[in-house]
Every structure is written in C-alpha cells, then in structure tokens.
Amino acid sequence: MSDLSWGAPPEAGDPVRVGPYTVLRVLGEGGMGRVFLARGLGTRLFAVKTIRPHLAHDADFRKRFVREARAAQRVSGVFTAPVVGVSGEGERVPWLATAFVPAPSLEEVVARCGVLPGRGLWWLAAGVAEALVAVHQEGLVHRDLKPGNVLVAEDGPRVIDFGIAKALHGSTASTSVGHVVGTVGFMAPEHLRGAAAPASDVFALGALLVHAATGRAPFAGADVFAVMTATFFDAPDLDGVPEGVVELVRDCLDKEPGRRPCPEQILERFARYAGTDAGAHAVRGWLPAAVCDLVETRARPGHVFGGAAEQTAMVPPPPPTRLVTREQAPLPTQVRELAAGGTASGTEDPDGDDQSTLNTLRDRAKSLGESGEPGEARDLFALLVRRCTEVLGADHPHTHGARVEHARWTGDAGDAAQARDLYVSLIADRVRVLGTDHPDTLQARHSHAGWTGKAGNPAEARDLFAPLVTDRARVLGADHPHTHGACREHASWTRQAGPTGSG
C-alpha cells in the first residue's frame, strides 16, 4: 500500500500497531487524540482513533469510553461510519476503530470550496437526518454533531464519533453541575444545561446547516459565555440561509426541544422537496462542481488535485469538544446588561468580574423567577454558577448558593428529575465542605428528597425523608420548625407511596 496518499506519514512516537490494526498514515488529530489510517488483518482500511495520555490515565474515563464505544457499535446505516472495533478496558491506550471513509469533512468542504446552495443544504440535511435515525434507534445521542464530525462522501454525508462525547463527562450528576461536553455554537440550550437528548442532535443539525450555508455558526459572541448566552436568549442569525431551506433550519433551532422536528420528519420534508428526483444522495446534481471534484478525488489514493499530484493534508482540527465550564472567559456584556434589566449596548464593564456584578446577575435571575419566568431564571442561574466557579471558586458559599437556586428554578421550570440530580452532587459537595450535620447540608437533603418525589418516586422520597427527620431532630431538636417540616413531608410522601410503596 505504498501508493496511499491520504493523510500524512506517521511521526516519531506514533504507534506501529493499535490493537489488531497496522498504522499506515495519520489522518488528523483533535482534543481527544490522534486518528490513524490503518490496515486490518486483511486488506481493508480503517480509521483508528487513539486517546490522549491524560485521558487514558483516568481509570473512570477508560471504563466509560469502552462502554460508550461498544454501545456505538450497535449503530448501523449507510450514513454513518460504523464502529467496528473497540479496545478492552485493560489496554494501555484506549482506541476505537471505524470503517474508513475517504472523504473530506464538512468543515474542510466549506473552507476549501465555499458555502453550499439550497439544493446542497437539503442533501446535507437528509443524509445527516438518516444517520440520526440510526443513532437514535439504538438509544444513543450523538452530543457533538459539528462540521468536523460530518464527512461529505460520494454516496451521502457520513456522521462519525457518535456516542463518544458521552464518555468524557460520565454520570448525569456530574454533568448537571456543569461538566458539559460539546462544541459551543452547536449545542442546544438543554444540552448546555447538561440534559442532552435526541432533540439536541436536531438542534445541532440546524447549526450545521447554518455553517454550511454561511460559513459561521448561528450564535456568535466574543467568548464562549457570550455564545452560550446567545444560545439561551437570542434568535439564531439566519442571514444568508437560502429561502427554500430557512424554515427547516429555524424549526431545528427552536429553543424548545418538543417543537423541533424529529429526524424522520426532516426526511419527510426532504422527500417533498426532492419529489421524484433520482439518485437522492449522489453528489453530482446536488453539490457545486468544486465540491464534487474534491469529494471524488479524495476518494482515490494517489489522486491529482488542482493539476498536480497532491498528498491529502491532515484535516485541520475542528472546533474542539470541550468541557464548556472550564473556559477562562469574562462574563459577556449581554449577560451583565440583562442582569441589570437593560439591553446589550456593546459597552464593556471594566469591573465585570467583581462581586457586585455577580450579585446583580443573581438578583435579576431571582426577579425573573419570582415574576413567573422560571425557565429564564434557571438559565441565568446556570450561567451564574459557571461564572461564580471561575471568579470565586467551586467551593465558595456564593457558588453553592447559585447552585441551590439553579436547582430550584430547574424544578420550577418543569424538570423535577433534573432538579433532583442537581441536588445529588450539591449534597456531596456540601458534606465535603461543610460537614454532614451542617444546616445547609440538611436543607439540600430536604430539597433533594422533595424533588425526588415530584419526579415520580414517592416511595423513594418517603425513604429519604425518614433519616432526615432523625438527623434534624438530633442536630436541631425535635421541636425545631425544620424538623417539623421534614416530618410533614415524610408523612405526605408516605401517603402518596401507598401501603405497597408504589406510586
């Protein structure tokens, strides 16, 4: 296979073999690791991703990675790059092997050839929607659908790296606190809050279409917090999206997950658009000539591109998959002015990181909630938690207070299960920082038990309130109002659980 010209030659330190695969070339790299072109035991080619050492050394990550990668093996379909091999938990460097698709990414296509016309956008929407049908049917959510994870192949778009982002953040509880993995600008509002669902992938598809139509994401800002704020509160910037596809894009980017079309409905819209057009996913006839040339020549090793033999350059890293709450960025102007009840003026506040600004944001968020806007209060408190963590530290009392308010308004906005999960991690941190018997720890347990019942688990709420009554009586006294409150809640959930403990 000496004539292979995909990617670049391996570098010193690159492996010769990864599992049963022999490394031939380097296809690219990103935040999680490097991707190699490799030969299997026979003659077939595969794309093998190895994980960076700082992740490989994390035993919990290794277990999650293997579990999620094996779950992704269930996904099949023409419009994905199927996972065909996964490392074992005991291997020193975790790896993942997928079918090799010799095609440029959407990121590269737009960078090299420019934006797509309306017809090409429909082709892209249909191919990615078909991939999402396969992913969602297996109970998976992609979580990191972005231009770098969509390959533009001759027979249609291929989605790669599905299911892998989930391995980075672990449990629901830790995710809820703010360890949310994804690429800002392509993440839905509920995804930013730690509750990614199939509808979140549809939102990301809408953002993909905006990128393909305009070369930019639908939400802009000077820093990651500004982009997140725009995602929560602003309408998407759809200037430049062709009229024939803008309605689909707008529906995909709806801030309410329940109002977005599902992938099957997107395919129905594509069918109405395409009519009886044959070769629905073939490149020619759907994409501009320059894109077709790039796609078709990339599919062959030793190809000639631009009139001269060219080795395929390593694909530039796409926007990174990241823990969005670890960004070091100033509080965006829009949030500061929203906190004050005004509108964005573009004027920076030189004291934006001080305590008074955080207090103003907190007061504005509470005012919104108390005036009947629990969803907006929830979103502002989510941003406040992240900013307090950056400015004051994760264990500062004001950070914990913001987390309490975030959990409260999350529940009041209609998501009792998410509120319950937010309190799980808050209890663990309050025990660690304040101690088991601190009043704030006991209050967090009270709230956790209450939201557990409201999430549909009255028997579990009853069982959580029982030891809380004992602990509050021991710490505060049997006649303390908080002890009486826990007694009343225990009695209420006992009645609702019924004699058998069922709801």
Protein backbone atom coordinates (compact mmCIF):
# COMPACT_ATOMS: atom_id res chain seq x y z
CA MET A 1 0.00 0.00 0.00
CA SER A 2 2.86 2.33 -0.67
CA ASP A 3 0.68 4.42 -3.01
CA LEU A 4 -1.58 5.62 -0.21
CA SER A 5 -1.67 9.40 -0.01
CA TRP A 6 -4.47 10.04 2.46
CA GLY A 7 -3.26 11.93 5.47
CA ALA A 8 0.40 12.35 6.38
CA PRO A 9 3.25 9.98 7.25
CA PRO A 10 3.41 8.79 10.89
CA GLU A 11 5.65 10.78 13.20
CA ALA A 12 8.25 9.61 15.68
CA GLY A 13 6.38 8.28 18.67
CA ASP A 14 3.30 7.24 16.73
CA PRO A 15 2.37 3.59 17.25
CA VAL A 16 3.17 0.94 14.65
CA ARG A 17 0.16 -1.12 15.65
CA VAL A 18 -3.04 -0.33 17.52
CA GLY A 19 -4.79 -3.47 18.64
CA PRO A 20 -5.03 -5.70 15.55
CA TYR A 21 -4.54 -2.74 13.17
CA THR A 22 -1.32 -1.72 11.42
CA VAL A 23 -0.83 2.05 11.27
CA LEU A 24 -0.21 3.44 7.76
CA ARG A 25 -0.88 7.18 7.85
CA VAL A 26 -2.04 9.99 10.17
CA LEU A 27 -5.46 11.32 9.20
CA GLY A 28 -5.85 14.04 11.83
CA GLU A 29 -5.99 14.91 15.49
CA GLY A 30 -8.17 16.75 17.95
CA GLY A 31 -8.75 17.29 21.63
CA MET A 32 -9.29 13.61 22.39
CA GLY A 33 -6.45 12.06 20.40
CA ARG A 34 -4.99 11.18 17.01
CA VAL A 35 -6.69 9.42 14.13
CA PHE A 36 -4.71 6.93 12.01
CA LEU A 37 -5.38 5.24 8.72
CA ALA A 38 -4.72 1.58 9.44
CA ARG A 39 -4.96 -1.83 7.77
CA GLY A 40 -6.81 -4.66 9.45
CA LEU A 41 -5.71 -8.27 9.49
CA GLY A 42 -6.74 -8.50 5.85
CA THR A 43 -6.65 -5.74 3.22
CA ARG A 44 -9.41 -3.41 4.42
CA LEU A 45 -8.66 0.09 5.65
CA PHE A 46 -9.94 1.55 8.93
CA ALA A 47 -9.82 4.87 10.77
CA VAL A 48 -8.41 4.19 14.24
CA LYS A 49 -8.66 6.87 16.96
CA THR A 50 -6.34 6.63 19.94
CA ILE A 51 -6.98 8.57 23.14
CA ARG A 52 -4.55 11.10 24.57
CA PRO A 53 -2.48 10.02 27.60
CA HIS A 54 -4.08 12.43 30.09
CA LEU A 55 -7.45 10.80 29.37
CA ALA A 56 -6.04 7.27 29.13
CA HIS A 57 -4.63 7.58 32.65
CA ASP A 58 -8.11 8.19 34.07
CA ALA A 59 -9.49 4.77 35.01
CA ASP A 60 -13.09 6.01 35.12
CA PHE A 61 -12.74 7.57 31.68
CA ARG A 62 -11.33 4.32 30.27
CA LYS A 63 -14.35 2.39 31.50
CA ARG A 64 -16.80 4.97 30.17
CA PHE A 65 -15.01 5.15 26.83
CA VAL A 66 -15.15 1.39 26.30
CA ARG A 67 -18.78 1.21 27.42
CA GLU A 68 -19.94 4.05 25.18
CA ALA A 69 -17.86 2.92 22.20
CA ARG A 70 -19.32 -0.56 22.44
CA ALA A 71 -22.79 0.92 22.59
CA ALA A 72 -21.96 2.86 19.42
CA GLN A 73 -21.12 -0.45 17.71
CA ARG A 74 -24.85 -1.13 17.59
CA VAL A 75 -25.38 1.76 15.18
CA SER A 76 -25.61 0.74 11.56
CA GLY A 77 -26.58 2.53 8.40
CA VAL A 78 -25.14 3.81 5.15
CA PHE A 79 -24.87 7.33 6.52
CA THR A 80 -22.59 6.61 9.46
CA ALA A 81 -19.02 5.38 9.70
CA PRO A 82 -19.74 2.22 11.73
CA VAL A 83 -17.65 1.36 14.78
CA VAL A 84 -16.00 -1.99 14.04
CA GLY A 85 -13.55 -2.40 16.91
CA VAL A 86 -13.02 -1.15 20.47
CA SER A 87 -10.15 -1.57 22.91
CA GLY A 88 -10.56 -3.60 26.08
CA GLU A 89 -10.65 -1.89 29.48
CA GLY A 90 -7.21 -3.29 30.30
CA GLU A 91 -5.38 -1.90 27.27
CA ARG A 92 -2.85 0.86 28.00
CA VAL A 93 -4.16 3.23 25.30
CA PRO A 94 -7.90 3.15 24.59
CA TRP A 95 -8.77 3.10 20.90
CA LEU A 96 -11.75 2.99 18.59
CA ALA A 97 -11.80 1.68 15.00
CA THR A 98 -14.38 2.71 12.42
CA ALA A 99 -14.84 1.95 8.76
CA PHE A 100 -12.58 4.27 6.77
CA VAL A 101 -14.48 6.81 4.69
CA PRO A 102 -12.11 8.55 2.23
CA ALA A 103 -13.94 11.86 2.23
CA PRO A 104 -13.40 15.46 3.39
CA SER A 105 -15.26 16.79 6.40
CA LEU A 106 -17.95 19.44 6.03
CA GLU A 107 -15.52 21.78 7.80
CA GLU A 108 -12.96 21.25 5.05
CA VAL A 109 -15.51 21.45 2.24
CA VAL A 110 -16.74 24.87 3.36
CA ALA A 111 -13.18 26.12 3.95
CA ARG A 112 -11.93 24.93 0.53
CA CYS A 113 -14.95 25.32 -1.71
CA GLY A 114 -17.23 27.85 -0.05
CA VAL A 115 -20.80 27.59 1.18
CA LEU A 116 -23.47 25.26 -0.19
CA PRO A 117 -26.54 26.34 -2.16
CA GLY A 118 -30.06 25.43 -1.09
CA ARG A 119 -30.05 22.16 -3.02
CA GLY A 120 -26.82 21.09 -1.34
CA LEU A 121 -28.22 22.02 2.08
CA TRP A 122 -31.20 19.72 1.55
CA TRP A 123 -28.79 16.93 0.52
CA LEU A 124 -26.83 17.51 3.73
CA ALA A 125 -29.94 17.69 5.92
CA ALA A 126 -31.33 14.42 4.54
CA GLY A 127 -28.08 12.49 4.90
CA VAL A 128 -27.42 13.62 8.47
CA ALA A 129 -31.07 13.06 9.44
CA GLU A 130 -30.83 9.50 8.13
CA ALA A 131 -27.72 8.95 10.24
CA LEU A 132 -29.51 10.33 13.30
CA VAL A 133 -32.38 7.90 12.76
CA ALA A 134 -29.87 5.04 13.07
CA VAL A 135 -28.19 6.60 16.12
CA HIS A 136 -31.41 7.38 17.98
CA GLN A 137 -32.96 4.00 17.25
CA GLU A 138 -30.19 2.47 19.35
CA GLY A 139 -30.98 4.76 22.27
CA LEU A 140 -27.87 6.90 21.71
CA VAL A 141 -27.43 10.67 21.41
CA HIS A 142 -24.51 11.98 19.37
CA ARG A 143 -23.88 15.03 21.63
CA ASP A 144 -21.14 16.51 19.43
CA LEU A 145 -22.56 16.90 15.94
CA LYS A 146 -20.43 19.57 14.25
CA PRO A 147 -18.83 20.23 10.82
CA GLY A 148 -15.71 18.25 11.73
CA ASN A 149 -17.83 15.17 12.54
CA VAL A 150 -19.69 15.04 9.23
CA LEU A 151 -17.88 13.59 6.21
CA VAL A 152 -19.02 14.55 2.71
CA ALA A 153 -18.79 11.26 0.82
CA GLU A 154 -19.77 10.34 -2.73
CA ASP A 155 -22.89 8.46 -1.64
CA GLY A 156 -24.02 10.94 1.01
CA PRO A 157 -22.97 12.54 4.30
CA ARG A 158 -21.47 10.24 6.94
CA VAL A 159 -21.63 11.02 10.65
CA ILE A 160 -18.66 9.98 12.79
CA ASP A 161 -17.80 9.92 16.52
CA PHE A 162 -21.36 9.30 17.66
CA GLY A 163 -21.63 8.23 21.29
CA ILE A 164 -18.03 9.17 22.11
CA ALA A 165 -18.63 12.59 23.65
CA LYS A 166 -20.71 10.98 26.40
CA ALA A 167 -17.67 9.10 27.66
CA LEU A 168 -15.97 12.38 28.51
CA HIS A 169 -18.41 13.54 31.15
CA GLY A 170 -19.54 10.41 32.95
CA SER A 171 -22.56 10.45 35.20
CA THR A 172 -25.65 12.59 34.93
CA ALA A 173 -24.93 14.13 38.29
CA SER A 174 -21.50 15.45 37.38
CA THR A 175 -22.79 16.66 34.05
CA SER A 176 -25.57 18.57 35.76
CA VAL A 177 -23.13 20.56 37.84
CA GLY A 178 -21.53 21.96 34.74
CA HIS A 179 -19.19 19.37 33.22
CA VAL A 180 -20.97 19.52 29.87
CA VAL A 181 -19.16 18.22 26.81
CA GLY A 182 -19.80 19.52 23.33
CA THR A 183 -18.87 22.29 20.91
CA VAL A 184 -20.30 25.66 21.85
CA GLY A 185 -22.26 27.13 18.95
CA PHE A 186 -23.71 23.73 18.01
CA MET A 187 -25.14 22.82 21.43
CA ALA A 188 -28.84 23.20 22.23
CA PRO A 189 -29.93 25.13 25.34
CA GLU A 190 -30.89 21.93 27.18
CA HIS A 191 -27.54 20.39 26.19
CA LEU A 192 -25.73 23.36 27.75
CA ARG A 193 -27.70 22.66 30.93
CA GLY A 194 -26.48 19.06 30.92
CA ALA A 195 -29.62 17.36 29.58
CA ALA A 196 -28.74 16.32 26.02
CA ALA A 197 -31.46 14.31 24.25
CA PRO A 198 -32.22 13.23 20.66
CA ALA A 199 -33.78 16.63 20.01
CA SER A 200 -30.40 18.19 20.89
CA ASP A 201 -28.88 16.45 17.86
CA VAL A 202 -31.60 18.03 15.69
CA PHE A 203 -30.62 21.46 17.05
CA ALA A 204 -27.00 20.68 16.14
CA LEU A 205 -28.15 19.71 12.63
CA GLY A 206 -29.77 23.13 12.29
CA ALA A 207 -26.49 24.76 13.34
CA LEU A 208 -24.64 22.56 10.82
CA LEU A 209 -26.90 23.80 8.05
CA VAL A 210 -26.23 27.42 9.02
CA HIS A 211 -22.48 26.73 8.90
CA ALA A 212 -22.81 25.06 5.50
CA ALA A 213 -24.92 27.95 4.17
CA THR A 214 -22.93 30.88 5.62
CA GLY A 215 -19.57 29.62 6.90
CA ARG A 216 -20.44 30.54 10.51
CA ALA A 217 -22.47 29.21 13.42
CA PRO A 218 -25.97 30.59 14.15
CA PHE A 219 -24.95 32.08 17.51
CA ALA A 220 -21.96 34.40 17.79
CA GLY A 221 -20.04 36.09 20.58
CA ALA A 222 -16.60 37.27 21.63
CA ASP A 223 -16.16 34.35 24.02
CA VAL A 224 -17.73 31.05 24.95
CA PHE A 225 -20.03 32.63 27.56
CA ALA A 226 -21.31 35.15 25.03
CA VAL A 227 -22.12 32.31 22.60
CA MET A 228 -23.86 30.37 25.37
CA THR A 229 -25.88 33.42 26.33
CA ALA A 230 -26.92 33.96 22.72
CA THR A 231 -27.94 30.30 22.50
CA PHE A 232 -30.17 30.70 25.56
CA PHE A 233 -31.75 34.06 24.77
CA ASP A 234 -31.23 35.21 21.16
CA ALA A 235 -32.83 34.23 17.88
CA PRO A 236 -30.35 32.48 15.56
CA ASP A 237 -28.65 34.57 12.90
CA LEU A 238 -30.04 33.08 9.68
CA ASP A 239 -28.87 35.83 7.32
CA GLY A 240 -27.55 34.14 4.21
CA VAL A 241 -29.50 30.89 4.62
CA PRO A 242 -31.41 30.29 1.35
CA GLU A 243 -35.12 30.92 1.47
CA GLY A 244 -36.05 27.37 0.47
CA VAL A 245 -34.38 25.81 3.49
CA VAL A 246 -34.56 28.57 6.12
CA GLU A 247 -37.87 27.31 7.55
CA LEU A 248 -36.36 23.89 8.22
CA VAL A 249 -33.30 25.47 9.84
CA ARG A 250 -35.42 27.75 12.02
CA ASP A 251 -37.52 24.80 13.20
CA CYS A 252 -34.42 22.74 14.04
CA LEU A 253 -33.04 25.65 16.09
CA ASP A 254 -36.18 26.14 18.16
CA LYS A 255 -35.17 26.62 21.79
CA GLU A 256 -37.94 24.25 22.94
CA PRO A 257 -36.92 20.63 22.18
CA GLY A 258 -40.51 19.49 21.79
CA ARG A 259 -41.12 21.91 18.92
CA ARG A 260 -38.19 20.68 16.80
CA PRO A 261 -38.86 18.16 14.03
CA CYS A 262 -37.56 14.65 14.61
CA PRO A 263 -35.14 13.18 12.02
CA GLU A 264 -37.95 11.19 10.39
CA GLN A 265 -39.95 14.39 9.86
CA ILE A 266 -36.89 16.05 8.31
CA LEU A 267 -36.70 13.16 5.86
CA GLU A 268 -40.39 13.63 5.03
CA ARG A 269 -39.71 17.28 4.23
CA PHE A 270 -36.75 16.24 2.06
CA ALA A 271 -38.97 13.78 0.19
CA ARG A 272 -41.44 16.56 -0.59
CA TYR A 273 -38.57 18.78 -1.73
CA ALA A 274 -36.88 16.12 -3.88
CA GLY A 275 -40.07 14.74 -5.40
CA THR A 276 -39.27 12.01 -7.89
CA ASP A 277 -35.64 13.12 -8.32
CA ALA A 278 -33.50 10.00 -8.74
CA GLY A 279 -30.17 9.45 -7.01
CA ALA A 280 -31.28 11.34 -3.94
CA HIS A 281 -27.90 11.25 -2.22
CA ALA A 282 -25.43 11.21 -5.13
CA VAL A 283 -23.00 14.11 -5.13
CA ARG A 284 -23.38 15.17 -8.77
CA GLY A 285 -26.52 17.20 -9.27
CA TRP A 286 -26.77 18.21 -5.62
CA LEU A 287 -23.45 19.88 -4.77
CA PRO A 288 -21.37 22.52 -6.60
CA ALA A 289 -18.79 21.27 -9.09
CA ALA A 290 -15.83 22.27 -6.89
CA VAL A 291 -17.21 20.21 -4.02
CA CYS A 292 -17.85 17.25 -6.29
CA ASP A 293 -14.29 17.40 -7.59
CA LEU A 294 -12.89 17.49 -4.06
CA VAL A 295 -15.09 14.61 -2.91
CA GLU A 296 -14.43 12.40 -5.91
CA THR A 297 -10.67 12.93 -5.99
CA ARG A 298 -10.38 12.48 -2.22
CA ALA A 299 -11.97 9.06 -2.62
CA ARG A 300 -8.91 7.82 -4.57
CA PRO A 301 -5.34 7.45 -3.26
CA GLY A 302 -2.59 8.98 -5.36
CA HIS A 303 -5.12 11.40 -6.82
CA VAL A 304 -4.42 14.51 -8.84
CA PHE A 305 -5.93 17.68 -7.46
CA GLY A 306 -5.57 21.18 -8.84
CA GLY A 307 -3.49 19.94 -11.77
CA ALA A 308 -0.69 18.40 -9.70
CA ALA A 309 -0.26 15.29 -7.61
CA GLU A 310 -1.15 16.18 -4.05
CA GLN A 311 -0.97 14.30 -0.83
CA THR A 312 -4.06 14.78 1.24
CA ALA A 313 -3.13 17.18 4.01
CA MET A 314 -4.09 16.37 7.56
CA VAL A 315 -7.53 17.78 8.18
CA PRO A 316 -7.32 20.87 10.42
CA PRO A 317 -8.73 20.19 13.88
CA PRO A 318 -12.45 21.06 14.04
CA PRO A 319 -13.84 23.28 16.79
CA PRO A 320 -12.93 21.40 19.95
CA THR A 321 -15.13 19.20 22.00
CA ARG A 322 -14.69 20.73 25.42
CA LEU A 323 -15.90 20.95 28.96
CA VAL A 324 -17.63 24.25 28.38
CA THR A 325 -17.49 25.33 32.02
CA ARG A 326 -13.69 25.24 32.12
CA GLU A 327 -13.29 28.13 29.71
CA GLN A 328 -11.49 31.17 31.14
CA ALA A 329 -13.63 33.95 29.72
CA PRO A 330 -15.12 37.21 31.01
CA LEU A 331 -18.82 37.47 31.74
CA PRO A 332 -20.36 38.59 28.44
CA THR A 333 -21.73 42.09 28.11
CA GLN A 334 -25.16 40.80 27.18
CA VAL A 335 -25.50 38.83 30.42
CA ARG A 336 -24.29 41.76 32.50
CA GLU A 337 -26.82 44.10 30.95
CA LEU A 338 -29.59 41.51 31.06
CA ALA A 339 -28.79 41.15 34.75
CA ALA A 340 -29.35 44.88 35.14
CA GLY A 341 -32.60 44.71 33.21
CA GLY A 342 -31.27 46.53 30.17
CA THR A 343 -30.31 45.60 26.62
CA ALA A 344 -26.95 44.89 25.08
CA SER A 345 -25.14 48.09 24.20
CA GLY A 346 -21.70 46.70 23.40
CA THR A 347 -20.09 48.67 26.23
CA GLU A 348 -17.73 46.58 28.37
CA ASP A 349 -17.89 46.92 32.15
CA PRO A 350 -14.29 47.09 33.41
CA ASP A 351 -15.44 45.76 36.81
CA GLY A 352 -17.43 42.90 35.28
CA ASP A 353 -15.79 40.19 37.37
CA ASP A 354 -16.35 41.77 40.79
CA GLN A 355 -18.80 40.57 43.37
CA SER A 356 -21.31 43.36 42.72
CA THR A 357 -21.79 42.22 39.12
CA LEU A 358 -22.39 38.65 40.26
CA ASN A 359 -24.84 39.91 42.88
CA THR A 360 -26.69 41.93 40.25
CA LEU A 361 -26.96 38.90 38.00
CA ARG A 362 -28.24 36.82 40.91
CA ASP A 363 -30.86 39.43 41.83
CA ARG A 364 -32.05 39.71 38.24
CA ALA A 365 -32.33 35.92 37.94
CA LYS A 366 -34.36 35.67 41.17
CA SER A 367 -36.59 38.53 40.00
CA LEU A 368 -37.31 36.71 36.76
CA GLY A 369 -38.22 33.53 38.60
CA GLU A 370 -40.43 35.25 41.13
CA SER A 371 -42.22 37.16 38.38
CA GLY A 372 -43.25 33.96 36.63
CA GLU A 373 -40.31 33.20 34.34
CA PRO A 374 -38.73 30.08 35.93
CA GLY A 375 -37.09 28.95 32.68
CA GLU A 376 -35.23 32.22 32.25
CA ALA A 377 -34.26 32.19 35.94
CA ARG A 378 -32.91 28.67 35.51
CA ASP A 379 -30.80 29.68 32.51
CA LEU A 380 -29.40 32.79 34.18
CA PHE A 381 -28.52 30.81 37.31
CA ALA A 382 -26.78 28.22 35.14
CA LEU A 383 -24.56 30.98 33.80
CA LEU A 384 -24.09 32.41 37.29
CA VAL A 385 -22.93 29.03 38.60
CA ARG A 386 -20.31 28.86 35.88
CA ARG A 387 -19.14 32.41 36.44
CA CYS A 388 -19.04 32.12 40.24
CA THR A 389 -16.96 28.97 39.83
CA GLU A 390 -14.48 30.86 37.67
CA VAL A 391 -14.34 34.04 39.78
CA LEU A 392 -14.86 32.77 43.34
CA GLY A 393 -14.07 29.06 43.18
CA ALA A 394 -16.20 25.91 43.17
CA ASP A 395 -16.45 25.73 46.98
CA HIS A 396 -17.27 29.39 47.67
CA PRO A 397 -20.57 29.88 49.56
CA HIS A 398 -21.93 32.10 46.77
CA THR A 399 -21.17 29.37 44.21
CA HIS A 400 -23.07 26.85 46.32
CA GLY A 401 -25.89 29.34 46.74
CA ALA A 402 -26.12 29.82 42.98
CA ARG A 403 -26.25 26.04 42.56
CA VAL A 404 -29.17 25.86 45.00
CA GLU A 405 -31.08 28.49 43.05
CA HIS A 406 -30.25 26.81 39.74
CA ALA A 407 -31.64 23.52 41.03
CA ARG A 408 -34.73 25.18 42.47
CA TRP A 409 -35.67 27.02 39.29
CA THR A 410 -34.85 24.00 37.17
CA GLY A 411 -37.54 22.13 39.10
CA ASP A 412 -39.97 25.04 38.98
CA ALA A 413 -39.45 25.23 35.20
CA GLY A 414 -40.88 21.70 34.96
CA ASP A 415 -37.85 19.40 35.16
CA ALA A 416 -38.10 17.75 38.56
CA ALA A 417 -35.75 14.90 37.62
CA GLN A 418 -33.02 17.34 36.61
CA ALA A 419 -33.51 19.30 39.84
CA ARG A 420 -33.19 16.05 41.81
CA ASP A 421 -29.93 15.22 40.04
CA LEU A 422 -28.53 18.71 40.63
CA TYR A 423 -29.11 18.26 44.35
CA VAL A 424 -27.32 14.89 44.36
CA SER A 425 -23.97 16.45 43.53
CA LEU A 426 -24.66 19.51 45.69
CA ILE A 427 -25.19 17.28 48.73
CA ALA A 428 -21.88 15.52 48.10
CA ASP A 429 -20.04 18.85 47.90
CA ARG A 430 -21.76 20.28 50.97
CA VAL A 431 -20.86 17.20 53.00
CA ARG A 432 -17.25 17.56 51.87
CA VAL A 433 -17.02 21.32 52.51
CA LEU A 434 -19.43 21.92 55.41
CA GLY A 435 -19.93 18.54 57.04
CA THR A 436 -22.79 16.08 57.33
CA ASP A 437 -24.68 17.93 60.07
CA HIS A 438 -24.41 21.48 58.71
CA PRO A 439 -27.86 23.11 58.28
CA ASP A 440 -27.15 23.80 54.60
CA THR A 441 -26.32 20.13 54.04
CA LEU A 442 -29.55 19.08 55.75
CA GLN A 443 -31.52 21.60 53.68
CA ALA A 444 -30.01 20.22 50.46
CA ARG A 445 -31.10 16.74 51.53
CA HIS A 446 -34.61 18.09 52.17
CA SER A 447 -34.81 19.63 48.70
CA HIS A 448 -33.36 16.51 47.05
CA ALA A 449 -35.97 14.32 48.73
CA GLY A 450 -38.79 16.67 47.71
CA TRP A 451 -37.77 16.81 44.05
CA THR A 452 -37.31 13.04 44.06
CA GLY A 453 -40.97 12.69 44.97
CA LYS A 454 -42.05 15.27 42.41
CA ALA A 455 -40.05 13.40 39.76
CA GLY A 456 -42.43 10.46 40.23
CA ASN A 457 -40.77 8.46 43.01
CA PRO A 458 -42.91 8.92 46.14
CA ALA A 459 -41.59 5.77 47.85
CA GLU A 460 -38.01 6.92 47.39
CA ALA A 461 -38.92 10.37 48.71
CA ARG A 462 -40.51 8.76 51.77
CA ASP A 463 -37.34 6.74 52.39
CA LEU A 464 -35.15 9.84 52.02
CA PHE A 465 -37.22 11.91 54.44
CA ALA A 466 -37.24 9.22 57.16
CA PRO A 467 -33.50 9.50 58.06
CA LEU A 468 -33.66 13.27 57.52
CA VAL A 469 -36.29 13.54 60.28
CA THR A 470 -33.96 11.64 62.62
CA ASP A 471 -30.92 13.75 61.72
CA ARG A 472 -32.76 17.05 62.04
CA ALA A 473 -34.13 16.05 65.43
CA ARG A 474 -30.63 15.09 66.57
CA VAL A 475 -28.95 18.25 65.26
CA LEU A 476 -31.69 20.88 65.63
CA GLY A 477 -34.04 19.37 68.21
CA ALA A 478 -37.39 17.62 67.93
CA ASP A 479 -39.36 20.88 68.13
CA HIS A 480 -37.38 22.84 65.55
CA PRO A 481 -39.50 24.11 62.60
CA HIS A 482 -37.22 22.37 60.10
CA THR A 483 -37.67 19.07 61.93
CA HIS A 484 -41.43 19.52 61.85
CA GLY A 485 -41.21 20.34 58.14
CA ALA A 486 -39.34 17.13 57.43
CA CYS A 487 -41.94 15.19 59.46
CA ARG A 488 -44.77 16.66 57.40
CA GLU A 489 -43.01 15.84 54.12
CA HIS A 490 -42.31 12.28 55.30
CA ALA A 491 -45.98 11.80 56.19
CA SER A 492 -47.13 13.29 52.87
CA TRP A 493 -44.90 11.08 50.72
CA THR A 494 -45.77 8.05 52.85
CA ARG A 495 -49.45 8.59 51.99
CA GLN A 496 -48.64 9.06 48.29
CA ALA A 497 -46.43 5.97 48.16
CA GLY A 498 -49.26 3.85 49.49
CA PRO A 499 -49.06 0.64 51.51
CA THR A 500 -47.02 -1.17 48.83
CA GLY A 501 -44.57 1.70 48.27
CA SER A 502 -45.75 2.18 44.68
CA GLY A 503 -46.79 5.46 43.11
